[in-house]
C-alpha atoms as a PDB file:
ATOM      1  CA  MET A   1       0.000   0.000   0.000  1.00  0.00           C
ATOM      2  CA  GLN A   2       2.825   2.407   0.841  1.00  0.00           C
ATOM      3  CA  PHE A   3       4.431   1.848  -2.575  1.00  0.00           C
ATOM      4  CA  PHE A   4       1.095   2.547  -4.281  1.00  0.00           C
ATOM      5  CA  LEU A   5       0.695   5.801  -2.327  1.00  0.00           C
ATOM      6  CA  TYR A   6       4.277   6.758  -3.109  1.00  0.00           C
ATOM      7  CA  CYS A   7       3.657   6.259  -6.838  1.00  0.00           C
ATOM      8  CA  LEU A   8       0.345   8.116  -6.689  1.00  0.00           C
ATOM      9  CA  CYS A   9       1.886  11.092  -4.881  1.00  0.00           C
ATOM     10  CA  GLY A  10       4.824  11.094  -7.298  1.00  0.00           C
ATOM     11  CA  GLY A  11       2.409  11.033 -10.218  1.00  0.00           C
ATOM     12  CA  MET A  12       0.594  14.026  -8.773  1.00  0.00           C
ATOM     13  CA  GLY A  13       3.926  15.804  -8.464  1.00  0.00           C
ATOM     14  CA  VAL A  14       4.828  15.075 -12.092  1.00  0.00           C
ATOM     15  CA  SER A  15       1.370  16.193 -13.230  1.00  0.00           C
ATOM     16  CA  THR A  16       1.739  19.430 -11.290  1.00  0.00           C
ATOM     17  CA  ASP A  17       5.203  19.988 -12.754  1.00  0.00           C
ATOM     18  CA  TYR A  18       3.937  19.499 -16.304  1.00  0.00           C
ATOM     19  CA  ALA A  19       0.801  21.606 -15.828  1.00  0.00           C
ATOM     20  CA  VAL A  20       2.712  24.564 -14.362  1.00  0.00           C
ATOM     21  CA  PHE A  21       5.413  24.268 -17.040  1.00  0.00           C
ATOM     22  CA  TYR A  22       2.825  24.157 -19.823  1.00  0.00           C
ATOM     23  CA  LEU A  23       0.826  27.087 -18.458  1.00  0.00           C
ATOM     24  CA  ALA A  24       3.952  29.169 -17.962  1.00  0.00           C
ATOM     25  CA  VAL A  25       5.363  28.485 -21.445  1.00  0.00           C
ATOM     26  CA  THR A  26       2.047  29.152 -23.155  1.00  0.00           C
ATOM     27  CA  ASN A  27       1.853  32.480 -21.319  1.00  0.00           C
ATOM     28  CA  GLY A  28       5.232  33.661 -22.555  1.00  0.00           C
ATOM     29  CA  VAL A  29       7.563  32.627 -19.740  1.00  0.00           C
ATOM     30  CA  TRP A  30      11.063  31.644 -20.917  1.00  0.00           C
ATOM     31  CA  TYR A  31      11.266  27.848 -21.082  1.00  0.00           C
ATOM     32  CA  GLN A  32      14.018  27.558 -18.461  1.00  0.00           C
ATOM     33  CA  GLY A  33      12.052  29.795 -16.089  1.00  0.00           C
ATOM     34  CA  ALA A  34       8.934  27.735 -16.760  1.00  0.00           C
ATOM     35  CA  ASN A  35      10.958  24.596 -16.042  1.00  0.00           C
ATOM     36  CA  GLY A  36      12.045  26.050 -12.695  1.00  0.00           C
ATOM     37  CA  LEU A  37       8.510  27.029 -11.734  1.00  0.00           C
ATOM     38  CA  GLY A  38       7.097  23.672 -12.751  1.00  0.00           C
ATOM     39  CA  TYR A  39       9.837  21.697 -11.055  1.00  0.00           C
ATOM     40  CA  LEU A  40       9.451  23.639  -7.825  1.00  0.00           C
ATOM     41  CA  ALA A  41       5.655  23.265  -7.831  1.00  0.00           C
ATOM     42  CA  GLY A  42       5.873  19.536  -8.561  1.00  0.00           C
ATOM     43  CA  THR A  43       8.549  18.998  -5.926  1.00  0.00           C
ATOM     44  CA  LEU A  44       6.554  20.817  -3.255  1.00  0.00           C
ATOM     45  CA  MET A  45       3.414  18.876  -4.204  1.00  0.00           C
ATOM     46  CA  SER A  46       5.241  15.554  -4.048  1.00  0.00           C
ATOM     47  CA  PHE A  47       6.893  16.428  -0.734  1.00  0.00           C
ATOM     48  CA  SER A  48       3.646  17.532   0.864  1.00  0.00           C
ATOM     49  CA  LEU A  49       1.580  14.572  -0.271  1.00  0.00           C
ATOM     50  CA  ASN A  50       4.240  11.977   0.547  1.00  0.00           C
ATOM     51  CA  ARG A  51       4.965  13.523   3.930  1.00  0.00           C
ATOM     52  CA  ILE A  52       1.331  13.355   4.990  1.00  0.00           C
ATOM     53  CA  PHE A  53      -0.210  10.383   3.176  1.00  0.00           C
ATOM     54  CA  THR A  54       2.630   7.988   2.390  1.00  0.00           C
ATOM     55  CA  PHE A  55       4.913   8.352   5.398  1.00  0.00           C
ATOM     56  CA  GLY A  56       2.744  10.159   7.958  1.00  0.00           C
ATOM     57  CA  MET A  57       5.608  12.434   9.025  1.00  0.00           C
ATOM     58  CA  ARG A  58       4.561  15.636  10.717  1.00  0.00           C
ATOM     59  CA  ASP A  59       7.722  16.561  12.630  1.00  0.00           C
ATOM     60  CA  ARG A  60      10.807  18.542  11.507  1.00  0.00           C
ATOM     61  CA  VAL A  61       9.034  19.756   8.364  1.00  0.00           C
ATOM     62  CA  LEU A  62      11.578  22.446   7.458  1.00  0.00           C
ATOM     63  CA  GLN A  63      14.545  20.116   7.956  1.00  0.00           C
ATOM     64  CA  ARG A  64      12.906  17.402   5.839  1.00  0.00           C
ATOM     65  CA  LEU A  65      11.932  19.936   3.174  1.00  0.00           C
ATOM     66  CA  ALA A  66      15.490  21.280   2.999  1.00  0.00           C
ATOM     67  CA  MET A  67      16.884  17.765   2.462  1.00  0.00           C
ATOM     68  CA  PHE A  68      14.186  16.979  -0.114  1.00  0.00           C
ATOM     69  CA  LEU A  69      14.890  20.217  -2.024  1.00  0.00           C
ATOM     70  CA  ALA A  70      18.631  19.541  -1.985  1.00  0.00           C
ATOM     71  CA  ILE A  71      18.114  16.151  -3.618  1.00  0.00           C
ATOM     72  CA  ALA A  72      15.509  17.569  -6.012  1.00  0.00           C
ATOM     73  CA  GLY A  73      18.038  20.228  -7.016  1.00  0.00           C
ATOM     74  CA  VAL A  74      20.135  17.527  -8.664  1.00  0.00           C
ATOM     75  CA  GLY A  75      17.105  16.433 -10.687  1.00  0.00           C
ATOM     76  CA  PHE A  76      16.353  20.034 -11.602  1.00  0.00           C
ATOM     77  CA  ALA A  77      19.920  20.584 -12.815  1.00  0.00           C
ATOM     78  CA  ALA A  78      19.612  17.512 -15.045  1.00  0.00           C
ATOM     79  CA  SER A  79      16.263  18.713 -16.324  1.00  0.00           C
ATOM     80  CA  ALA A  80      17.584  22.216 -17.101  1.00  0.00           C
ATOM     81  CA  LEU A  81      20.618  20.742 -18.843  1.00  0.00           C
ATOM     82  CA  LEU A  82      18.452  18.474 -20.982  1.00  0.00           C
ATOM     83  CA  LEU A  83      16.213  21.395 -21.961  1.00  0.00           C
ATOM     84  CA  TRP A  84      19.211  23.492 -22.882  1.00  0.00           C
END
């Protein structure tokens, strides 16, 4: 069940990323800026949903978010490089 929730929350994060990216690009935002906005929105969505529903963690939110964003930064760098 936990794996299913993890995949579902990740899918919601990816969907959020794509939706924000698409909306930003179609409204004239530079593609790398749109990538940053989308990636950040998707990462925050994934973190929030997984923290609450998949893992049930409610303590040390800022510390956990900082670690999550640090790891996600590597993925963002790869994404930005691929878009370039």
